[in-house]
N, C-alpha and C. Protein backbone atom coordinates (compact mmCIF):
# COMPACT_ATOMS: atom_id res chain seq x y z
N MET A 1 106.16 97.86 77.25
CA MET A 1 107.31 98.72 77.08
C MET A 1 108.56 97.92 77.45
N THR A 2 109.27 97.54 76.45
CA THR A 2 110.41 96.70 76.75
C THR A 2 111.73 97.29 76.31
N ASP A 3 111.72 98.34 75.51
CA ASP A 3 113.00 98.89 75.11
C ASP A 3 113.03 100.39 75.36
N ASP A 4 114.23 100.97 75.19
CA ASP A 4 114.43 102.38 75.49
C ASP A 4 113.56 103.29 74.64
N SER A 5 113.43 102.97 73.36
CA SER A 5 112.66 103.84 72.48
C SER A 5 111.19 103.89 72.89
N SER A 6 110.63 102.78 73.35
CA SER A 6 109.23 102.81 73.75
C SER A 6 109.02 103.63 75.02
N TRP A 7 109.99 103.62 75.94
CA TRP A 7 109.90 104.48 77.13
C TRP A 7 109.87 105.94 76.70
N ARG A 8 110.78 106.29 75.80
CA ARG A 8 110.85 107.69 75.33
C ARG A 8 109.56 108.07 74.61
N GLU A 9 109.06 107.17 73.76
CA GLU A 9 107.83 107.46 73.03
C GLU A 9 106.67 107.69 73.98
N LYS A 10 106.51 106.84 74.98
CA LYS A 10 105.43 107.00 75.94
C LYS A 10 105.58 108.30 76.72
N ALA A 11 106.80 108.63 77.10
CA ALA A 11 107.03 109.89 77.83
C ALA A 11 106.66 111.08 76.95
N LEU A 12 107.03 111.02 75.69
CA LEU A 12 106.68 112.12 74.79
C LEU A 12 105.17 112.22 74.59
N GLU A 13 104.49 111.09 74.53
CA GLU A 13 103.03 111.10 74.43
C GLU A 13 102.43 111.80 75.64
N VAL A 14 102.95 111.48 76.81
CA VAL A 14 102.45 112.09 78.05
C VAL A 14 102.67 113.60 78.01
N ILE A 15 103.87 113.99 77.59
CA ILE A 15 104.19 115.42 77.54
C ILE A 15 103.31 116.14 76.54
N GLN A 16 103.14 115.55 75.36
CA GLN A 16 102.36 116.18 74.31
C GLN A 16 100.88 116.25 74.67
N ALA A 17 100.40 115.29 75.44
CA ALA A 17 98.99 115.32 75.86
C ALA A 17 98.72 116.56 76.68
N GLY A 18 99.66 116.90 77.55
CA GLY A 18 99.57 118.12 78.32
C GLY A 18 98.36 118.25 79.21
N GLU A 19 97.66 117.17 79.43
CA GLU A 19 96.46 117.20 80.24
C GLU A 19 96.75 116.72 81.65
N PRO A 20 96.27 117.43 82.64
CA PRO A 20 96.41 116.94 84.01
C PRO A 20 95.51 115.73 84.24
N PRO A 21 95.82 114.93 85.25
CA PRO A 21 94.93 113.81 85.55
C PRO A 21 93.50 114.31 85.74
N GLY A 22 92.55 113.54 85.19
CA GLY A 22 91.15 113.93 85.31
C GLY A 22 90.73 114.97 84.29
N GLY A 23 91.64 115.36 83.38
CA GLY A 23 91.31 116.34 82.35
C GLY A 23 90.37 115.75 81.33
N SER A 24 90.12 116.49 80.26
CA SER A 24 89.13 116.04 79.29
C SER A 24 89.76 115.39 78.07
N ALA A 25 91.06 115.15 78.05
CA ALA A 25 91.69 114.52 76.90
C ALA A 25 91.16 113.10 76.75
N GLY A 26 91.38 112.51 75.58
CA GLY A 26 90.85 111.19 75.30
C GLY A 26 91.41 110.10 76.19
N GLN A 27 92.62 110.23 76.71
CA GLN A 27 93.25 109.15 77.46
C GLN A 27 93.89 109.63 78.78
N PRO A 28 93.22 110.47 79.55
CA PRO A 28 93.89 110.98 80.76
C PRO A 28 94.22 109.89 81.77
N GLU A 29 93.38 108.88 81.89
CA GLU A 29 93.64 107.82 82.86
C GLU A 29 94.85 107.00 82.45
N GLU A 30 94.98 106.74 81.16
CA GLU A 30 96.15 106.00 80.67
C GLU A 30 97.42 106.81 80.88
N THR A 31 97.36 108.10 80.59
CA THR A 31 98.51 108.97 80.79
C THR A 31 98.92 108.98 82.26
N THR A 32 97.96 109.13 83.13
CA THR A 32 98.24 109.13 84.56
C THR A 32 98.85 107.80 84.99
N ALA A 33 98.32 106.69 84.49
CA ALA A 33 98.85 105.37 84.84
C ALA A 33 100.28 105.20 84.37
N ILE A 34 100.60 105.72 83.19
CA ILE A 34 101.97 105.63 82.67
C ILE A 34 102.92 106.39 83.58
N VAL A 35 102.51 107.60 83.95
CA VAL A 35 103.36 108.43 84.82
C VAL A 35 103.55 107.74 86.18
N GLN A 36 102.47 107.22 86.73
CA GLN A 36 102.57 106.53 88.02
C GLN A 36 103.52 105.34 87.93
N ARG A 37 103.40 104.53 86.89
CA ARG A 37 104.28 103.36 86.73
C ARG A 37 105.72 103.78 86.55
N LEU A 38 105.93 104.84 85.78
CA LEU A 38 107.29 105.33 85.55
C LEU A 38 107.94 105.75 86.86
N PHE A 39 107.24 106.55 87.67
CA PHE A 39 107.82 107.01 88.93
C PHE A 39 107.97 105.86 89.93
N ALA A 40 107.03 104.93 89.94
CA ALA A 40 107.15 103.78 90.84
C ALA A 40 108.35 102.92 90.46
N LEU A 41 108.57 102.72 89.17
CA LEU A 41 109.71 101.93 88.72
C LEU A 41 111.02 102.64 89.05
N ALA A 42 111.06 103.94 88.83
CA ALA A 42 112.26 104.71 89.15
C ALA A 42 112.55 104.63 90.66
N ALA A 43 111.52 104.73 91.48
CA ALA A 43 111.71 104.63 92.93
C ALA A 43 112.24 103.25 93.32
N GLN A 44 111.73 102.23 92.67
CA GLN A 44 112.22 100.87 92.93
C GLN A 44 113.70 100.76 92.57
N TYR A 45 114.08 101.30 91.43
CA TYR A 45 115.48 101.22 90.98
C TYR A 45 116.45 101.93 91.93
N VAL A 46 116.04 103.08 92.46
CA VAL A 46 116.95 103.82 93.34
C VAL A 46 116.80 103.45 94.80
N GLY A 47 115.81 102.60 95.12
CA GLY A 47 115.70 102.08 96.47
C GLY A 47 114.49 102.53 97.27
N SER A 48 113.97 103.70 96.98
CA SER A 48 112.78 104.19 97.70
C SER A 48 112.28 105.47 97.06
N ALA A 49 111.07 105.86 97.42
CA ALA A 49 110.52 107.11 96.92
C ALA A 49 111.32 108.30 97.46
N SER A 50 111.76 108.19 98.70
CA SER A 50 112.57 109.28 99.28
C SER A 50 113.88 109.45 98.51
N ALA A 51 114.51 108.33 98.17
CA ALA A 51 115.76 108.38 97.41
C ALA A 51 115.52 108.98 96.02
N LEU A 52 114.39 108.64 95.42
CA LEU A 52 114.07 109.20 94.11
C LEU A 52 113.85 110.71 94.21
N ALA A 53 113.13 111.14 95.22
CA ALA A 53 112.91 112.57 95.41
C ALA A 53 114.24 113.31 95.52
N ARG A 54 115.15 112.76 96.31
CA ARG A 54 116.48 113.39 96.44
C ARG A 54 117.20 113.40 95.10
N ARG A 55 117.16 112.29 94.40
CA ARG A 55 117.85 112.15 93.11
C ARG A 55 117.33 113.15 92.08
N LEU A 56 116.02 113.41 92.12
CA LEU A 56 115.42 114.33 91.17
C LEU A 56 115.39 115.77 91.67
N GLY A 57 115.80 115.98 92.91
CA GLY A 57 115.80 117.33 93.48
C GLY A 57 114.39 117.84 93.79
N LEU A 58 113.52 116.92 94.20
CA LEU A 58 112.14 117.27 94.51
C LEU A 58 111.86 117.13 96.00
N ARG A 59 110.85 117.82 96.47
CA ARG A 59 110.35 117.56 97.81
C ARG A 59 109.60 116.23 97.75
N TYR A 60 109.65 115.47 98.81
CA TYR A 60 108.95 114.19 98.85
C TYR A 60 107.46 114.39 98.62
N SER A 61 106.90 115.45 99.18
CA SER A 61 105.46 115.70 99.02
C SER A 61 105.09 115.94 97.56
N GLU A 62 105.99 116.57 96.82
CA GLU A 62 105.74 116.78 95.39
C GLU A 62 105.78 115.45 94.64
N LEU A 63 106.80 114.63 94.92
CA LEU A 63 106.91 113.33 94.27
C LEU A 63 105.69 112.46 94.56
N ARG A 64 105.20 112.53 95.79
CA ARG A 64 104.02 111.75 96.17
C ARG A 64 102.82 112.06 95.28
N THR A 65 102.69 113.31 94.84
CA THR A 65 101.56 113.66 93.97
C THR A 65 101.69 112.98 92.60
N TYR A 66 102.92 112.78 92.14
CA TYR A 66 103.13 112.09 90.86
C TYR A 66 102.92 110.59 91.02
N LEU A 67 103.39 110.05 92.13
CA LEU A 67 103.21 108.62 92.40
C LEU A 67 101.74 108.28 92.59
N GLY A 68 100.98 109.19 93.15
CA GLY A 68 99.56 108.96 93.42
C GLY A 68 98.65 109.36 92.27
N GLY A 69 99.22 109.89 91.20
CA GLY A 69 98.41 110.30 90.06
C GLY A 69 97.60 111.56 90.30
N GLU A 70 97.99 112.34 91.28
CA GLU A 70 97.25 113.55 91.62
C GLU A 70 97.69 114.75 90.80
N ALA A 71 98.89 114.69 90.21
CA ALA A 71 99.43 115.81 89.43
C ALA A 71 100.35 115.26 88.37
N MET A 72 100.53 116.04 87.33
CA MET A 72 101.48 115.69 86.28
C MET A 72 102.79 116.43 86.55
N PRO A 73 103.91 115.74 86.38
CA PRO A 73 105.19 116.41 86.62
C PRO A 73 105.52 117.37 85.48
N PRO A 74 106.35 118.35 85.77
CA PRO A 74 106.85 119.20 84.68
C PRO A 74 107.63 118.35 83.68
N GLU A 75 107.70 118.80 82.46
CA GLU A 75 108.38 118.06 81.40
C GLU A 75 109.81 117.68 81.79
N GLU A 76 110.54 118.60 82.37
CA GLU A 76 111.93 118.34 82.76
C GLU A 76 112.03 117.19 83.76
N VAL A 77 111.15 117.16 84.73
CA VAL A 77 111.15 116.09 85.74
C VAL A 77 110.79 114.76 85.11
N LEU A 78 109.81 114.78 84.24
CA LEU A 78 109.39 113.55 83.56
C LEU A 78 110.53 112.99 82.72
N LEU A 79 111.20 113.83 81.96
CA LEU A 79 112.30 113.36 81.12
C LEU A 79 113.47 112.85 81.95
N ARG A 80 113.78 113.53 83.05
CA ARG A 80 114.87 113.04 83.93
C ARG A 80 114.52 111.68 84.50
N THR A 81 113.24 111.47 84.81
CA THR A 81 112.81 110.19 85.35
C THR A 81 112.91 109.10 84.29
N VAL A 82 112.52 109.41 83.07
CA VAL A 82 112.65 108.44 81.98
C VAL A 82 114.13 108.08 81.79
N GLU A 83 115.00 109.07 81.77
CA GLU A 83 116.42 108.80 81.60
C GLU A 83 116.98 107.95 82.74
N LEU A 84 116.50 108.19 83.94
CA LEU A 84 116.94 107.40 85.09
C LEU A 84 116.54 105.94 84.92
N VAL A 85 115.31 105.70 84.50
CA VAL A 85 114.84 104.33 84.29
C VAL A 85 115.65 103.66 83.19
N ILE A 86 115.89 104.37 82.11
CA ILE A 86 116.69 103.81 81.02
C ILE A 86 118.09 103.48 81.49
N GLU A 87 118.68 104.37 82.26
CA GLU A 87 120.03 104.14 82.81
C GLU A 87 120.07 102.86 83.65
N TYR A 88 119.09 102.67 84.50
CA TYR A 88 119.06 101.48 85.35
C TYR A 88 118.75 100.21 84.56
N ARG A 89 117.93 100.35 83.52
CA ARG A 89 117.62 99.18 82.69
C ARG A 89 118.83 98.72 81.90
N LYS A 90 119.71 99.66 81.55
CA LYS A 90 120.91 99.32 80.79
C LYS A 90 122.02 98.79 81.67
N ALA A 91 121.96 99.07 82.96
CA ALA A 91 123.03 98.66 83.88
C ALA A 91 123.14 97.13 83.92
N PRO A 92 124.38 96.63 83.95
CA PRO A 92 124.54 95.16 84.04
C PRO A 92 123.92 94.64 85.33
N ARG A 93 123.29 93.53 85.23
CA ARG A 93 122.66 92.92 86.42
C ARG A 93 123.65 91.95 87.05
N SER A 94 123.67 91.99 88.37
CA SER A 94 124.60 91.09 89.07
C SER A 94 123.91 89.84 89.58
């Protein structure tokens, strides 16, 4: 995943799959891994998991479930996280 469109495409795939981790869909482990990587990258960009939780308006305990692959985030949270990653990827590097 190297460009903005591929991030959006992967996020939409995750949303459309609609399966929780460990579900019976054909690719639940891949979906979970994508979500985990997305949230980990977003946390790295904003400085920490706690900072990401604040930025997304989540409780830290809720964010931890997404980072650990224990739960799937609501569509709105997932899309806000994708947009955050895209925003940071577009930012000029110093």
